[in-house]
Amino acid sequence: MCETDKIEIAQDIKDGKLDPESMSEDAFRQMTCFRDVICYILRVDGNIAGYLRAECGYANIYDIGWLYVEERHRGNGYATDLASWFSHDIFNSGGIPHYGFAISKESARVAEKCGYQCDRTQQICRTLTAK
C-alpha cells in the first residue's frame, strides 16, 4: 500500500464509505477506494467476514483480482455469494464481470457455481455471459 492509497482510504473513512459501524445487519456493500477498482465487503453480524476486489482492466470488463473469506466463515457459501453479488451488480451497471483465473480447485468451484465456465486443467475461467 503506497502513501496515495493511504490518503484515499483516509478520505473514504472521512466520507463514511469505510465505516464498519455503519451497518447493523449482514450485508454486501460496494465501495470504491481507487480509480478502476471495486471492492465488495461481506459483513456478518457487523464484522468483516470477507471481500472481493475487481479491477476494470479494459473498457467495462471487471476482473476479480481477490476473493477472500475469513477462515472461520468458510464453508457457508460466502465466497459464492460474493462472486454472485459482484456478477449481478456489474451486469446491472452495464459492465462485464470476469473471473479470469482460479488459483485453486475451490476457487474454480466457486466460479462454476456462479455460472462461469472453467478449464480446470489450467484453472482459467471465462467471462460470465448474461442469462
Protein backbone atom coordinates (compact mmCIF):
# COMPACT_ATOMS: atom_id res chain seq x y z
CA MET A 1 0.00 0.00 0.00
CA CYS A 2 1.52 3.29 -1.07
CA GLU A 3 1.07 6.70 0.52
CA THR A 4 -1.55 7.72 -2.09
CA ASP A 5 -3.61 4.64 -1.19
CA LYS A 6 -3.49 5.60 2.49
CA ILE A 7 -4.69 9.11 1.67
CA GLU A 8 -7.59 7.77 -0.44
CA ILE A 9 -8.59 5.33 2.31
CA ALA A 10 -8.44 8.09 4.92
CA GLN A 11 -10.72 10.21 2.72
CA ASP A 12 -13.17 7.31 2.29
CA ILE A 13 -13.23 6.82 6.07
CA LYS A 14 -13.86 10.55 6.49
CA ASP A 15 -16.70 10.34 3.91
CA GLY A 16 -18.21 7.36 5.77
CA LYS A 17 -17.63 4.83 2.99
CA LEU A 18 -15.43 2.56 5.10
CA ASP A 19 -17.06 2.93 8.49
CA PRO A 20 -17.52 -0.64 9.78
CA GLU A 21 -20.15 0.56 12.26
CA SER A 22 -22.39 1.95 9.51
CA MET A 23 -24.21 -1.36 9.02
CA SER A 24 -26.24 -3.16 11.61
CA GLU A 25 -27.06 -6.31 9.64
CA ASP A 26 -25.38 -8.84 7.37
CA ALA A 27 -24.76 -7.01 4.12
CA PHE A 28 -22.77 -6.81 0.96
CA ARG A 29 -21.57 -3.31 0.20
CA GLN A 30 -19.79 -1.98 -2.83
CA MET A 31 -17.16 0.61 -2.14
CA THR A 32 -14.75 2.34 -4.42
CA CYS A 33 -11.39 3.23 -2.93
CA PHE A 34 -9.31 3.52 -6.03
CA ARG A 35 -9.98 4.51 -9.61
CA ASP A 36 -10.97 1.49 -11.71
CA VAL A 37 -11.18 -0.79 -8.64
CA ILE A 38 -14.36 -2.00 -6.98
CA CYS A 39 -14.46 -3.82 -3.65
CA TYR A 40 -17.36 -5.71 -2.14
CA ILE A 41 -17.29 -6.23 1.59
CA LEU A 42 -19.23 -9.06 3.24
CA ARG A 43 -20.25 -8.40 6.82
CA VAL A 44 -21.57 -11.00 9.21
CA ASP A 45 -23.01 -9.65 12.46
CA GLY A 46 -21.46 -6.27 11.63
CA ASN A 47 -17.93 -7.63 11.25
CA ILE A 48 -15.99 -8.03 8.02
CA ALA A 49 -16.14 -11.72 7.04
CA GLY A 50 -14.73 -11.45 3.53
CA TYR A 51 -14.23 -9.32 0.48
CA LEU A 52 -13.98 -9.34 -3.29
CA ARG A 53 -11.82 -6.91 -5.25
CA ALA A 54 -12.21 -6.42 -9.00
CA GLU A 55 -10.34 -4.19 -11.41
CA CYS A 56 -11.51 -2.63 -14.64
CA GLY A 57 -8.67 -3.63 -16.89
CA TYR A 58 -10.23 -2.83 -20.24
CA ALA A 59 -13.31 -0.82 -21.24
CA ASN A 60 -16.08 -2.03 -18.94
CA ILE A 61 -14.70 -5.51 -18.10
CA TYR A 62 -14.20 -6.05 -14.37
CA ASP A 63 -11.93 -8.95 -13.47
CA ILE A 64 -11.89 -10.46 -9.99
CA GLY A 65 -8.43 -9.95 -8.54
CA TRP A 66 -9.04 -11.06 -4.95
CA LEU A 67 -11.77 -13.11 -3.34
CA TYR A 68 -11.26 -13.86 0.32
CA VAL A 69 -13.38 -15.17 3.17
CA GLU A 70 -12.12 -15.34 6.75
CA GLU A 71 -11.27 -18.90 7.72
CA ARG A 72 -13.91 -19.05 10.47
CA HIS A 73 -16.61 -18.14 7.92
CA ARG A 74 -15.60 -20.63 5.23
CA GLY A 75 -17.94 -23.43 4.26
CA ASN A 76 -21.05 -21.23 4.41
CA GLY A 77 -21.16 -20.30 0.72
CA TYR A 78 -19.97 -16.74 1.31
CA ALA A 79 -17.36 -16.80 -1.48
CA THR A 80 -20.07 -17.86 -3.93
CA ASP A 81 -22.38 -15.18 -2.53
CA LEU A 82 -19.72 -12.50 -3.01
CA ALA A 83 -18.91 -13.61 -6.58
CA SER A 84 -22.63 -13.82 -7.49
CA TRP A 85 -23.34 -10.42 -5.96
CA PHE A 86 -20.41 -8.92 -7.89
CA SER A 87 -21.51 -10.55 -11.17
CA HIS A 88 -25.10 -9.35 -10.95
CA ASP A 89 -24.07 -5.88 -9.78
CA ILE A 90 -21.62 -5.44 -12.66
CA PHE A 91 -24.19 -6.69 -15.20
CA ASN A 92 -26.82 -4.33 -13.79
CA SER A 93 -24.43 -1.38 -14.14
CA GLY A 94 -23.70 -2.24 -17.80
CA GLY A 95 -20.33 -3.86 -17.21
CA ILE A 96 -18.99 -7.32 -17.92
CA PRO A 97 -17.90 -9.44 -14.95
CA HIS A 98 -14.88 -11.67 -15.46
CA TYR A 99 -13.40 -14.45 -13.31
CA GLY A 100 -10.16 -14.78 -15.24
CA PHE A 101 -8.06 -17.08 -13.10
CA ALA A 102 -8.88 -19.52 -10.33
CA ILE A 103 -5.86 -20.13 -8.08
CA SER A 104 -7.26 -23.32 -6.59
CA LYS A 105 -9.84 -26.04 -7.13
CA GLU A 106 -12.02 -24.31 -4.54
CA SER A 107 -11.80 -21.05 -6.46
CA ALA A 108 -12.75 -22.79 -9.72
CA ARG A 109 -15.71 -24.43 -7.95
CA VAL A 110 -16.90 -21.01 -6.75
CA ALA A 111 -16.59 -19.63 -10.29
CA GLU A 112 -18.58 -22.53 -11.73
CA LYS A 113 -21.32 -22.17 -9.09
CA CYS A 114 -21.72 -18.56 -10.28
CA GLY A 115 -22.06 -19.60 -13.92
CA TYR A 116 -18.52 -19.08 -15.16
CA GLN A 117 -17.07 -21.83 -17.36
CA CYS A 118 -13.66 -23.01 -16.20
CA ASP A 119 -10.89 -25.07 -17.70
CA ARG A 120 -9.88 -26.87 -14.52
CA THR A 121 -6.67 -28.22 -16.02
CA GLN A 122 -5.32 -24.69 -16.41
CA GLN A 123 -7.61 -23.04 -13.82
CA ILE A 124 -8.71 -20.43 -16.34
CA CYS A 125 -12.30 -19.23 -16.29
CA ARG A 126 -14.24 -17.42 -18.99
CA THR A 127 -16.31 -14.28 -18.73
CA LEU A 128 -19.82 -14.85 -17.49
CA THR A 129 -22.47 -14.10 -20.09
CA ALA A 130 -25.84 -12.60 -19.27
CA LYS A 131 -28.65 -15.09 -18.86
